[in-house]
């Protein structure tokens, strides 16, 4: 493993053991964040939005929607967002061999749900990373204290 003073990179993730999909590994500003799979209600909210955007994407043929894709902003900034939408043109030029997005999608959705403190710190850090990568928060918040939905929309290429 790396010393605490060294920044984690996307390449370092290859050295971690396969946990069978129970954990999420994200690197934000060179710091490794590890979280458990989200609660089923969290996943339900993401699935519903994914279905809605998927139907619209299929009807318009403008792009594609993905649930929990890896988005690599830089070697030291890589997140797993809940839902993303990306145009066909951008997707054609922004996918690595491992299936991660290497260009910013037009839309990123992060769902915040009540969780242990570590999870909320990770989501906050992830959202700040997204905002620092050329996105803006549209200010949409939906929920009754159980889930909050924040949408970041790309502001630049």
C-alpha atoms as a PDB file:
ATOM      1  CA  UNK A   1       0.000   0.000   0.000  1.00  0.00           C
ATOM      2  CA  UNK A   2       0.972   3.620  -0.385  1.00  0.00           C
ATOM      3  CA  UNK A   3       2.293   5.730   2.460  1.00  0.00           C
ATOM      4  CA  UNK A   4      -0.234   8.147   3.943  1.00  0.00           C
ATOM      5  CA  UNK A   5       1.645  11.122   2.499  1.00  0.00           C
ATOM      6  CA  UNK A   6       1.361   9.936  -1.101  1.00  0.00           C
ATOM      7  CA  UNK A   7      -1.666  10.665  -3.254  1.00  0.00           C
ATOM      8  CA  UNK A   8      -3.729   7.753  -4.496  1.00  0.00           C
ATOM      9  CA  UNK A   9      -4.189   7.465  -8.261  1.00  0.00           C
ATOM     10  CA  UNK A  10      -6.559   5.549 -10.512  1.00  0.00           C
ATOM     11  CA  UNK A  11      -3.720   3.115 -11.231  1.00  0.00           C
ATOM     12  CA  UNK A  12      -3.437   2.288  -7.533  1.00  0.00           C
ATOM     13  CA  UNK A  13      -6.988   0.937  -7.554  1.00  0.00           C
ATOM     14  CA  UNK A  14      -5.733  -1.994  -9.644  1.00  0.00           C
ATOM     15  CA  UNK A  15      -3.709  -3.192  -6.625  1.00  0.00           C
ATOM     16  CA  UNK A  16      -6.775  -3.525  -4.382  1.00  0.00           C
ATOM     17  CA  UNK A  17      -8.374  -6.968  -3.959  1.00  0.00           C
ATOM     18  CA  UNK A  18     -11.694  -7.719  -5.642  1.00  0.00           C
ATOM     19  CA  UNK A  19     -14.382  -7.555  -2.965  1.00  0.00           C
ATOM     20  CA  UNK A  20     -17.190  -8.914  -5.140  1.00  0.00           C
ATOM     21  CA  UNK A  21     -18.825  -5.511  -5.636  1.00  0.00           C
ATOM     22  CA  UNK A  22     -19.745  -4.786  -2.007  1.00  0.00           C
ATOM     23  CA  UNK A  23     -17.499  -1.746  -1.722  1.00  0.00           C
ATOM     24  CA  UNK A  24     -17.100   1.477  -3.704  1.00  0.00           C
ATOM     25  CA  UNK A  25     -13.618   2.897  -4.151  1.00  0.00           C
ATOM     26  CA  UNK A  26     -13.350   6.568  -5.058  1.00  0.00           C
ATOM     27  CA  UNK A  27     -10.298   8.827  -5.205  1.00  0.00           C
ATOM     28  CA  UNK A  28     -10.896  12.475  -4.466  1.00  0.00           C
ATOM     29  CA  UNK A  29      -7.974  14.890  -4.503  1.00  0.00           C
ATOM     30  CA  UNK A  30      -5.635  11.911  -4.091  1.00  0.00           C
ATOM     31  CA  UNK A  31      -7.443  10.541  -1.018  1.00  0.00           C
ATOM     32  CA  UNK A  32      -9.002   7.079  -1.119  1.00  0.00           C
ATOM     33  CA  UNK A  33     -12.611   6.787   0.054  1.00  0.00           C
ATOM     34  CA  UNK A  34     -14.165   3.361   0.596  1.00  0.00           C
ATOM     35  CA  UNK A  35     -17.910   2.981   1.173  1.00  0.00           C
ATOM     36  CA  UNK A  36     -20.394   0.125   1.257  1.00  0.00           C
ATOM     37  CA  UNK A  37     -23.053  -0.446  -1.370  1.00  0.00           C
ATOM     38  CA  UNK A  38     -25.934   2.019  -0.868  1.00  0.00           C
ATOM     39  CA  UNK A  39     -29.227   1.265   0.879  1.00  0.00           C
ATOM     40  CA  UNK A  40     -31.960  -0.266  -1.284  1.00  0.00           C
ATOM     41  CA  UNK A  41     -34.054   2.948  -1.115  1.00  0.00           C
ATOM     42  CA  UNK A  42     -31.067   4.882  -2.425  1.00  0.00           C
ATOM     43  CA  UNK A  43     -30.739   2.363  -5.252  1.00  0.00           C
ATOM     44  CA  UNK A  44     -34.474   2.561  -5.950  1.00  0.00           C
ATOM     45  CA  UNK A  45     -34.306   6.346  -6.400  1.00  0.00           C
ATOM     46  CA  UNK A  46     -31.349   5.974  -8.762  1.00  0.00           C
ATOM     47  CA  UNK A  47     -33.106   3.187 -10.702  1.00  0.00           C
ATOM     48  CA  UNK A  48     -36.262   5.235 -11.207  1.00  0.00           C
ATOM     49  CA  UNK A  49     -34.284   8.193 -12.507  1.00  0.00           C
ATOM     50  CA  UNK A  50     -32.209   5.883 -14.690  1.00  0.00           C
ATOM     51  CA  UNK A  51     -35.385   4.412 -16.238  1.00  0.00           C
ATOM     52  CA  UNK A  52     -36.890   7.850 -16.871  1.00  0.00           C
ATOM     53  CA  UNK A  53     -33.709   9.195 -18.499  1.00  0.00           C
ATOM     54  CA  UNK A  54     -33.285   5.930 -20.401  1.00  0.00           C
ATOM     55  CA  UNK A  55     -36.741   6.179 -21.988  1.00  0.00           C
ATOM     56  CA  UNK A  56     -36.079   9.806 -22.939  1.00  0.00           C
ATOM     57  CA  UNK A  57     -32.606   8.949 -24.316  1.00  0.00           C
ATOM     58  CA  UNK A  58     -33.990   6.116 -26.392  1.00  0.00           C
ATOM     59  CA  UNK A  59     -36.748   8.317 -27.809  1.00  0.00           C
ATOM     60  CA  UNK A  60     -34.398  11.193 -28.689  1.00  0.00           C
ATOM     61  CA  UNK A  61     -31.282   9.174 -29.576  1.00  0.00           C
ATOM     62  CA  UNK A  62     -29.234  12.022 -28.090  1.00  0.00           C
ATOM     63  CA  UNK A  63     -27.198  10.021 -25.598  1.00  0.00           C
ATOM     64  CA  UNK A  64     -27.104   7.364 -22.918  1.00  0.00           C
ATOM     65  CA  UNK A  65     -27.781   7.092 -19.203  1.00  0.00           C
ATOM     66  CA  UNK A  66     -25.668   4.973 -16.844  1.00  0.00           C
ATOM     67  CA  UNK A  67     -26.111   3.991 -13.228  1.00  0.00           C
ATOM     68  CA  UNK A  68     -22.983   3.963 -10.992  1.00  0.00           C
ATOM     69  CA  UNK A  69     -20.364   4.461 -13.694  1.00  0.00           C
ATOM     70  CA  UNK A  70     -16.769   5.274 -12.896  1.00  0.00           C
ATOM     71  CA  UNK A  71     -15.992   8.869 -13.909  1.00  0.00           C
ATOM     72  CA  UNK A  72     -12.280   9.711 -14.113  1.00  0.00           C
ATOM     73  CA  UNK A  73     -11.653  13.474 -14.014  1.00  0.00           C
ATOM     74  CA  UNK A  74      -7.888  13.100 -13.467  1.00  0.00           C
ATOM     75  CA  UNK A  75      -5.461  10.452 -12.167  1.00  0.00           C
ATOM     76  CA  UNK A  76      -6.198  11.640  -8.599  1.00  0.00           C
ATOM     77  CA  UNK A  77      -9.938  12.329  -9.006  1.00  0.00           C
ATOM     78  CA  UNK A  78     -12.215   9.419  -9.876  1.00  0.00           C
ATOM     79  CA  UNK A  79     -15.749   9.035  -8.560  1.00  0.00           C
ATOM     80  CA  UNK A  80     -18.652   6.626  -8.868  1.00  0.00           C
ATOM     81  CA  UNK A  81     -21.737   8.755  -9.365  1.00  0.00           C
ATOM     82  CA  UNK A  82     -25.250   7.424  -8.887  1.00  0.00           C
ATOM     83  CA  UNK A  83     -26.542   8.319 -12.373  1.00  0.00           C
ATOM     84  CA  UNK A  84     -24.952  10.090 -15.342  1.00  0.00           C
ATOM     85  CA  UNK A  85     -26.217  11.130 -18.757  1.00  0.00           C
ATOM     86  CA  UNK A  86     -23.739  11.584 -21.591  1.00  0.00           C
ATOM     87  CA  UNK A  87     -24.249  12.570 -25.231  1.00  0.00           C
ATOM     88  CA  UNK A  88     -23.442  10.091 -28.004  1.00  0.00           C
ATOM     89  CA  UNK A  89     -20.565  12.212 -29.321  1.00  0.00           C
ATOM     90  CA  UNK A  90     -18.940  12.571 -25.921  1.00  0.00           C
ATOM     91  CA  UNK A  91     -19.371   8.874 -25.109  1.00  0.00           C
ATOM     92  CA  UNK A  92     -17.728   7.902 -28.408  1.00  0.00           C
ATOM     93  CA  UNK A  93     -14.511   9.687 -27.448  1.00  0.00           C
ATOM     94  CA  UNK A  94     -14.520   9.319 -23.679  1.00  0.00           C
ATOM     95  CA  UNK A  95     -14.435   5.674 -22.623  1.00  0.00           C
ATOM     96  CA  UNK A  96     -11.344   3.797 -21.451  1.00  0.00           C
ATOM     97  CA  UNK A  97     -10.695   0.055 -21.885  1.00  0.00           C
ATOM     98  CA  UNK A  98     -12.051  -0.663 -18.391  1.00  0.00           C
ATOM     99  CA  UNK A  99     -15.379   1.017 -19.251  1.00  0.00           C
ATOM    100  CA  UNK A 100     -14.850   4.210 -17.234  1.00  0.00           C
ATOM    101  CA  UNK A 101     -15.822   7.624 -18.530  1.00  0.00           C
ATOM    102  CA  UNK A 102     -12.724   9.745 -19.143  1.00  0.00           C
ATOM    103  CA  UNK A 103     -14.622  12.841 -20.265  1.00  0.00           C
ATOM    104  CA  UNK A 104     -17.161  14.691 -18.205  1.00  0.00           C
ATOM    105  CA  UNK A 105     -20.754  13.691 -18.933  1.00  0.00           C
ATOM    106  CA  UNK A 106     -23.316  16.450 -19.403  1.00  0.00           C
ATOM    107  CA  UNK A 107     -25.256  15.441 -16.300  1.00  0.00           C
ATOM    108  CA  UNK A 108     -24.234  13.866 -12.991  1.00  0.00           C
ATOM    109  CA  UNK A 109     -26.734  12.924 -10.282  1.00  0.00           C
ATOM    110  CA  UNK A 110     -25.699  12.249  -6.689  1.00  0.00           C
ATOM    111  CA  UNK A 111     -28.309  10.937  -4.274  1.00  0.00           C
ATOM    112  CA  UNK A 112     -27.686  11.685  -0.619  1.00  0.00           C
ATOM    113  CA  UNK A 113     -29.384   9.406   1.850  1.00  0.00           C
ATOM    114  CA  UNK A 114     -29.118   9.097   5.616  1.00  0.00           C
ATOM    115  CA  UNK A 115     -26.042   7.038   6.322  1.00  0.00           C
ATOM    116  CA  UNK A 116     -23.133   6.639   8.632  1.00  0.00           C
ATOM    117  CA  UNK A 117     -20.858   9.681   8.892  1.00  0.00           C
ATOM    118  CA  UNK A 118     -18.195   8.190   6.609  1.00  0.00           C
ATOM    119  CA  UNK A 119     -20.684   7.839   3.769  1.00  0.00           C
ATOM    120  CA  UNK A 120     -21.876  11.445   4.059  1.00  0.00           C
ATOM    121  CA  UNK A 121     -18.265  12.695   4.136  1.00  0.00           C
ATOM    122  CA  UNK A 122     -17.540  10.687   0.995  1.00  0.00           C
ATOM    123  CA  UNK A 123     -20.656  12.009  -0.796  1.00  0.00           C
ATOM    124  CA  UNK A 124     -19.816  15.588   0.183  1.00  0.00           C
ATOM    125  CA  UNK A 125     -16.230  15.156  -1.014  1.00  0.00           C
ATOM    126  CA  UNK A 126     -17.441  13.497  -4.213  1.00  0.00           C
ATOM    127  CA  UNK A 127     -19.888  16.300  -4.899  1.00  0.00           C
ATOM    128  CA  UNK A 128     -17.189  18.931  -4.284  1.00  0.00           C
ATOM    129  CA  UNK A 129     -14.904  17.070  -6.709  1.00  0.00           C
ATOM    130  CA  UNK A 130     -17.653  17.103  -9.341  1.00  0.00           C
ATOM    131  CA  UNK A 131     -18.321  20.813  -8.805  1.00  0.00           C
ATOM    132  CA  UNK A 132     -14.586  21.511  -9.108  1.00  0.00           C
ATOM    133  CA  UNK A 133     -14.481  19.683 -12.449  1.00  0.00           C
ATOM    134  CA  UNK A 134     -16.588  22.172 -14.378  1.00  0.00           C
ATOM    135  CA  UNK A 135     -20.068  21.413 -13.090  1.00  0.00           C
ATOM    136  CA  UNK A 136     -22.590  23.539 -11.268  1.00  0.00           C
ATOM    137  CA  UNK A 137     -25.267  22.481  -8.816  1.00  0.00           C
ATOM    138  CA  UNK A 138     -28.700  23.164 -10.254  1.00  0.00           C
ATOM    139  CA  UNK A 139     -30.026  23.507  -6.727  1.00  0.00           C
ATOM    140  CA  UNK A 140     -32.584  20.734  -7.074  1.00  0.00           C
ATOM    141  CA  UNK A 141     -33.273  18.938  -3.838  1.00  0.00           C
ATOM    142  CA  UNK A 142     -36.050  16.366  -3.650  1.00  0.00           C
ATOM    143  CA  UNK A 143     -37.001  14.350  -0.622  1.00  0.00           C
ATOM    144  CA  UNK A 144     -38.723  14.132   2.693  1.00  0.00           C
ATOM    145  CA  UNK A 145     -35.642  13.654   4.821  1.00  0.00           C
ATOM    146  CA  UNK A 146     -35.106  10.152   3.495  1.00  0.00           C
ATOM    147  CA  UNK A 147     -33.339  11.015   0.251  1.00  0.00           C
ATOM    148  CA  UNK A 148     -31.965  14.186  -1.248  1.00  0.00           C
ATOM    149  CA  UNK A 149     -31.199  14.458  -4.929  1.00  0.00           C
ATOM    150  CA  UNK A 150     -28.546  16.850  -6.166  1.00  0.00           C
ATOM    151  CA  UNK A 151     -27.940  17.352  -9.847  1.00  0.00           C
ATOM    152  CA  UNK A 152     -24.762  18.790 -11.275  1.00  0.00           C
ATOM    153  CA  UNK A 153     -24.828  20.040 -14.852  1.00  0.00           C
ATOM    154  CA  UNK A 154     -21.725  20.559 -16.920  1.00  0.00           C
ATOM    155  CA  UNK A 155     -20.764  24.169 -17.526  1.00  0.00           C
ATOM    156  CA  UNK A 156     -17.799  23.675 -19.871  1.00  0.00           C
ATOM    157  CA  UNK A 157     -16.133  21.202 -22.246  1.00  0.00           C
END
